[in-house]
Amino acid sequence: MAVVQISCTPLGEGNGGLSKFVAGCLKLVQESGLTYQLTPMGTILEGELDEIFALVRKMHESPFNAGALRVSTLIKIDDRRDREHTMAGKMRSVQERLEQND
């Protein structure tokens, strides 16, 4: 299972507000059924790479479909195959280390 961070940003929109574009991408994420977390700087997806890559393509196209003429998409992939790998597990691991240092 992979954990992927994605940020799709329309460029040159001029008015500064991007929430309508983010909402369009997030609707696709919700429809996908994948586990996700929206953050102020992007969206984190959890699932199998084939499913995520298909969704990434749709997310990249979404701002164009909403009128953007240029889109910059950043993707960061954390793919671990030797044991269970989830967003919750990654967070739990850090929290446990913090508690050990108290």
Protein backbone atom coordinates (compact mmCIF):
# COMPACT_ATOMS: atom_id res chain seq x y z
CA MET A 1 0.00 0.00 0.00
CA ALA A 2 1.19 3.52 -0.76
CA VAL A 3 0.73 6.87 0.89
CA VAL A 4 0.77 9.68 -1.68
CA GLN A 5 0.69 13.43 -1.22
CA ILE A 6 -0.69 15.44 -4.14
CA SER A 7 -1.19 19.12 -4.78
CA CYS A 8 -2.80 20.37 -8.01
CA THR A 9 -2.35 24.11 -8.43
CA PRO A 10 -3.75 26.17 -11.30
CA LEU A 11 -1.31 28.88 -12.36
CA GLY A 12 -2.14 32.35 -13.60
CA GLU A 13 -5.69 32.48 -12.28
CA GLY A 14 -5.18 36.05 -11.06
CA ASN A 15 -7.82 36.27 -8.32
CA GLY A 16 -5.77 34.34 -5.74
CA GLY A 17 -8.60 32.07 -4.63
CA LEU A 18 -8.08 28.42 -5.45
CA SER A 19 -10.71 26.78 -3.25
CA LYS A 20 -13.07 26.07 -6.16
CA PHE A 21 -10.31 24.08 -7.86
CA VAL A 22 -9.42 22.24 -4.65
CA ALA A 23 -13.09 21.39 -4.12
CA GLY A 24 -13.30 19.95 -7.64
CA CYS A 25 -10.29 17.72 -6.99
CA LEU A 26 -11.55 16.68 -3.57
CA LYS A 27 -14.90 15.64 -5.02
CA LEU A 28 -13.03 13.18 -7.24
CA VAL A 29 -11.14 11.87 -4.20
CA GLN A 30 -14.38 11.34 -2.28
CA GLU A 31 -15.93 9.51 -5.23
CA SER A 32 -12.88 7.23 -5.48
CA GLY A 33 -13.52 5.61 -2.10
CA LEU A 34 -9.82 5.83 -1.20
CA THR A 35 -8.78 6.84 2.28
CA TYR A 36 -7.61 10.46 2.25
CA GLN A 37 -6.73 13.44 4.39
CA LEU A 38 -7.12 17.02 3.20
CA THR A 39 -4.39 19.34 4.49
CA PRO A 40 -3.81 23.07 3.98
CA MET A 41 -1.04 22.30 1.48
CA GLY A 42 -2.42 19.28 -0.40
CA THR A 43 -4.23 15.98 -0.10
CA ILE A 44 -2.83 12.72 1.19
CA LEU A 45 -4.13 9.53 -0.42
CA GLU A 46 -3.80 5.94 0.79
CA GLY A 47 -4.25 2.87 -1.36
CA GLU A 48 -2.89 0.74 -4.15
CA LEU A 49 -0.71 2.59 -6.66
CA ASP A 50 -2.79 1.70 -9.72
CA GLU A 51 -5.90 3.21 -8.11
CA ILE A 52 -4.00 6.25 -6.91
CA PHE A 53 -2.38 6.91 -10.30
CA ALA A 54 -5.76 6.77 -12.02
CA LEU A 55 -7.11 9.27 -9.50
CA VAL A 56 -4.04 11.52 -9.83
CA ARG A 57 -4.70 11.79 -13.56
CA LYS A 58 -8.32 12.81 -12.93
CA MET A 59 -7.26 15.31 -10.26
CA HIS A 60 -4.70 16.88 -12.60
CA GLU A 61 -7.37 17.31 -15.29
CA SER A 62 -9.98 18.74 -12.91
CA PRO A 63 -8.68 22.35 -12.83
CA PHE A 64 -8.48 22.35 -16.64
CA ASN A 65 -12.11 21.22 -16.76
CA ALA A 66 -12.94 24.14 -14.45
CA GLY A 67 -11.31 26.69 -16.77
CA ALA A 68 -7.64 26.75 -15.77
CA LEU A 69 -5.17 27.12 -18.63
CA ARG A 70 -2.10 25.86 -16.73
CA VAL A 71 -1.78 23.39 -13.84
CA SER A 72 1.22 22.41 -11.74
CA THR A 73 0.83 19.06 -9.96
CA LEU A 74 3.25 17.89 -7.27
CA ILE A 75 3.23 14.24 -6.21
CA LYS A 76 5.18 12.59 -3.40
CA ILE A 77 4.97 8.79 -3.11
CA ASP A 78 5.82 6.71 -0.03
CA ASP A 79 5.44 3.06 -1.10
CA ARG A 80 6.36 0.39 1.43
CA ARG A 81 5.95 -3.28 0.65
CA ASP A 82 7.53 -5.11 3.58
CA ARG A 83 4.69 -4.47 6.06
CA GLU A 84 1.42 -2.61 6.54
CA HIS A 85 1.80 1.03 5.53
CA THR A 86 -0.95 3.52 6.32
CA MET A 87 -1.34 7.17 7.22
CA ALA A 88 -2.52 6.20 10.70
CA GLY A 89 0.44 3.87 11.17
CA LYS A 90 2.92 6.55 10.19
CA MET A 91 1.35 9.00 12.64
CA ARG A 92 1.22 6.39 15.41
CA SER A 93 4.92 5.58 14.94
CA VAL A 94 5.93 9.22 15.40
CA GLN A 95 3.62 9.65 18.40
CA GLU A 96 5.11 6.57 20.08
CA ARG A 97 8.61 7.99 19.62
CA LEU A 98 7.52 11.31 21.11
CA GLU A 99 6.09 9.54 24.14
CA GLN A 100 9.34 7.56 24.61
CA ASN A 101 11.24 10.83 24.86
CA ASP A 102 8.99 12.25 27.60
